[in-house]
Amino acid sequence: MDHKTHTPMRVEDLNVTNVEGINVYGPDDHDIGDVSHMHGVGPTADVVVDVGGFLGIGAKRVALPVSQLNFMRDENGNIHATTRMTKDELKELPEHTD
């Protein structure tokens, strides 16, 4: 996927409704997880990502500051995110519990 052609989103435009369930891609452009939910809004929000697993089973839930993700819309208007962290790096983070 060529993210250079996608429209970046401002943090202020993110909310639980439009980011829940979106795909998160790593630096190698592989799908590494899905957004479970957000805590807070704006630049201080945390985004909870389910990493790995299959259909939500066996995934590890980790929280990332919203600043570690780049949210964008593709040419069809679908939202997704990218991160510089790999799947293995995310799996090393502490597990998030609500």
C-alpha atoms as a PDB file:
ATOM      1  CA  MET A   1       0.000   0.000   0.000  1.00  0.00           C
ATOM      2  CA  ASP A   2       1.410   3.376  -0.990  1.00  0.00           C
ATOM      3  CA  HIS A   3       0.671   5.603   1.991  1.00  0.00           C
ATOM      4  CA  LYS A   4       2.225   8.616   0.235  1.00  0.00           C
ATOM      5  CA  THR A   5      -1.003   9.069  -1.726  1.00  0.00           C
ATOM      6  CA  HIS A   6      -3.201   8.966   1.391  1.00  0.00           C
ATOM      7  CA  THR A   7      -4.553  12.015   3.181  1.00  0.00           C
ATOM      8  CA  PRO A   8      -3.114  12.536   6.690  1.00  0.00           C
ATOM      9  CA  MET A   9      -5.640  13.122   9.460  1.00  0.00           C
ATOM     10  CA  ARG A  10      -5.293  15.610  12.282  1.00  0.00           C
ATOM     11  CA  VAL A  11      -5.370  14.251  15.821  1.00  0.00           C
ATOM     12  CA  GLU A  12      -8.314  16.559  16.496  1.00  0.00           C
ATOM     13  CA  ASP A  13     -10.342  14.652  13.863  1.00  0.00           C
ATOM     14  CA  LEU A  14      -9.908  11.294  15.594  1.00  0.00           C
ATOM     15  CA  ASN A  15     -12.570   9.836  17.834  1.00  0.00           C
ATOM     16  CA  VAL A  16     -13.613   6.428  19.075  1.00  0.00           C
ATOM     17  CA  THR A  17     -16.222   6.135  16.333  1.00  0.00           C
ATOM     18  CA  ASN A  18     -13.901   6.621  13.366  1.00  0.00           C
ATOM     19  CA  VAL A  19     -10.834   4.716  14.598  1.00  0.00           C
ATOM     20  CA  GLU A  20     -12.300   1.673  16.330  1.00  0.00           C
ATOM     21  CA  GLY A  21     -11.408  -1.464  14.374  1.00  0.00           C
ATOM     22  CA  ILE A  22      -9.092   0.164  11.825  1.00  0.00           C
ATOM     23  CA  ASN A  23      -5.939  -1.604  10.642  1.00  0.00           C
ATOM     24  CA  VAL A  24      -2.503  -0.610  11.898  1.00  0.00           C
ATOM     25  CA  TYR A  25       0.465  -1.177   9.588  1.00  0.00           C
ATOM     26  CA  GLY A  26       4.107  -1.503  10.626  1.00  0.00           C
ATOM     27  CA  PRO A  27       7.228  -0.135   8.941  1.00  0.00           C
ATOM     28  CA  ASP A  28       7.321  -3.091   6.543  1.00  0.00           C
ATOM     29  CA  ASP A  29       3.722  -2.265   5.523  1.00  0.00           C
ATOM     30  CA  HIS A  30       2.322  -5.476   6.999  1.00  0.00           C
ATOM     31  CA  ASP A  31      -0.910  -5.400   8.982  1.00  0.00           C
ATOM     32  CA  ILE A  32       0.237  -5.731  12.602  1.00  0.00           C
ATOM     33  CA  GLY A  33      -2.997  -5.146  14.467  1.00  0.00           C
ATOM     34  CA  ASP A  34      -6.282  -3.307  14.853  1.00  0.00           C
ATOM     35  CA  VAL A  35      -7.351  -0.378  16.991  1.00  0.00           C
ATOM     36  CA  SER A  36      -9.489  -1.670  19.833  1.00  0.00           C
ATOM     37  CA  HIS A  37     -10.407   1.700  21.337  1.00  0.00           C
ATOM     38  CA  MET A  38      -9.092   5.067  22.504  1.00  0.00           C
ATOM     39  CA  HIS A  39      -8.647   6.623  25.926  1.00  0.00           C
ATOM     40  CA  GLY A  40      -9.095  10.366  25.804  1.00  0.00           C
ATOM     41  CA  VAL A  41      -9.121  12.725  22.850  1.00  0.00           C
ATOM     42  CA  GLY A  42      -6.639  14.977  21.132  1.00  0.00           C
ATOM     43  CA  PRO A  43      -2.852  14.897  21.447  1.00  0.00           C
ATOM     44  CA  THR A  44      -2.867  13.300  24.914  1.00  0.00           C
ATOM     45  CA  ALA A  45      -5.023  10.320  23.907  1.00  0.00           C
ATOM     46  CA  ASP A  46      -3.850   6.734  24.115  1.00  0.00           C
ATOM     47  CA  VAL A  47      -4.774   4.283  21.382  1.00  0.00           C
ATOM     48  CA  VAL A  48      -5.261   0.655  22.394  1.00  0.00           C
ATOM     49  CA  VAL A  49      -4.128  -1.761  19.692  1.00  0.00           C
ATOM     50  CA  ASP A  50      -4.770  -5.506  19.493  1.00  0.00           C
ATOM     51  CA  VAL A  51      -1.501  -6.939  18.156  1.00  0.00           C
ATOM     52  CA  GLY A  52      -1.237 -10.322  16.491  1.00  0.00           C
ATOM     53  CA  GLY A  53      -3.732 -13.077  16.973  1.00  0.00           C
ATOM     54  CA  PHE A  54      -6.355 -14.243  14.518  1.00  0.00           C
ATOM     55  CA  LEU A  55      -9.820 -12.708  14.438  1.00  0.00           C
ATOM     56  CA  GLY A  56      -9.133 -11.192  17.853  1.00  0.00           C
ATOM     57  CA  ILE A  57      -8.169 -14.510  19.451  1.00  0.00           C
ATOM     58  CA  GLY A  58      -4.705 -14.582  20.973  1.00  0.00           C
ATOM     59  CA  ALA A  59      -4.057 -10.891  20.375  1.00  0.00           C
ATOM     60  CA  LYS A  60      -2.107  -8.837  22.896  1.00  0.00           C
ATOM     61  CA  ARG A  61      -3.662  -5.486  23.784  1.00  0.00           C
ATOM     62  CA  VAL A  62      -1.160  -2.611  24.131  1.00  0.00           C
ATOM     63  CA  ALA A  63      -1.612   1.145  24.587  1.00  0.00           C
ATOM     64  CA  LEU A  64       0.280   3.676  22.498  1.00  0.00           C
ATOM     65  CA  PRO A  65       0.315   7.449  22.694  1.00  0.00           C
ATOM     66  CA  VAL A  66      -1.586   8.800  19.700  1.00  0.00           C
ATOM     67  CA  SER A  67       1.647  10.558  18.674  1.00  0.00           C
ATOM     68  CA  GLN A  68       3.212   7.162  17.801  1.00  0.00           C
ATOM     69  CA  LEU A  69       0.633   6.526  15.090  1.00  0.00           C
ATOM     70  CA  ASN A  70      -0.023   8.258  11.788  1.00  0.00           C
ATOM     71  CA  PHE A  71      -3.697   8.181  10.842  1.00  0.00           C
ATOM     72  CA  MET A  72      -4.746   8.673   7.231  1.00  0.00           C
ATOM     73  CA  ARG A  73      -7.533   8.109   4.725  1.00  0.00           C
ATOM     74  CA  ASP A  74      -6.958   6.107   1.574  1.00  0.00           C
ATOM     75  CA  GLU A  75      -8.389   6.985  -1.838  1.00  0.00           C
ATOM     76  CA  ASN A  76     -11.690   5.291  -0.867  1.00  0.00           C
ATOM     77  CA  GLY A  77     -12.015   7.289   2.371  1.00  0.00           C
ATOM     78  CA  ASN A  78     -11.105   4.354   4.628  1.00  0.00           C
ATOM     79  CA  ILE A  79      -9.055   5.214   7.694  1.00  0.00           C
ATOM     80  CA  HIS A  80      -5.951   3.275   8.715  1.00  0.00           C
ATOM     81  CA  ALA A  81      -2.824   3.966  10.758  1.00  0.00           C
ATOM     82  CA  THR A  82       0.893   3.361  10.444  1.00  0.00           C
ATOM     83  CA  THR A  83       3.583   3.127  13.092  1.00  0.00           C
ATOM     84  CA  ARG A  84       7.359   2.887  13.043  1.00  0.00           C
ATOM     85  CA  MET A  85       7.168   0.084  15.596  1.00  0.00           C
ATOM     86  CA  THR A  86       7.287  -3.522  14.441  1.00  0.00           C
ATOM     87  CA  LYS A  87       4.865  -6.221  15.536  1.00  0.00           C
ATOM     88  CA  ASP A  88       7.603  -7.729  17.739  1.00  0.00           C
ATOM     89  CA  GLU A  89       8.298  -4.348  19.391  1.00  0.00           C
ATOM     90  CA  LEU A  90       4.608  -3.883  20.126  1.00  0.00           C
ATOM     91  CA  LYS A  91       4.352  -7.367  21.583  1.00  0.00           C
ATOM     92  CA  GLU A  92       7.174  -6.482  24.004  1.00  0.00           C
ATOM     93  CA  LEU A  93       5.137  -3.636  25.491  1.00  0.00           C
ATOM     94  CA  PRO A  94       3.209  -4.219  28.706  1.00  0.00           C
ATOM     95  CA  GLU A  95      -0.259  -5.627  28.193  1.00  0.00           C
ATOM     96  CA  HIS A  96      -3.009  -3.033  28.507  1.00  0.00           C
ATOM     97  CA  THR A  97      -5.965  -3.684  30.787  1.00  0.00           C
ATOM     98  CA  ASP A  98      -8.945  -1.377  31.174  1.00  0.00           C
END
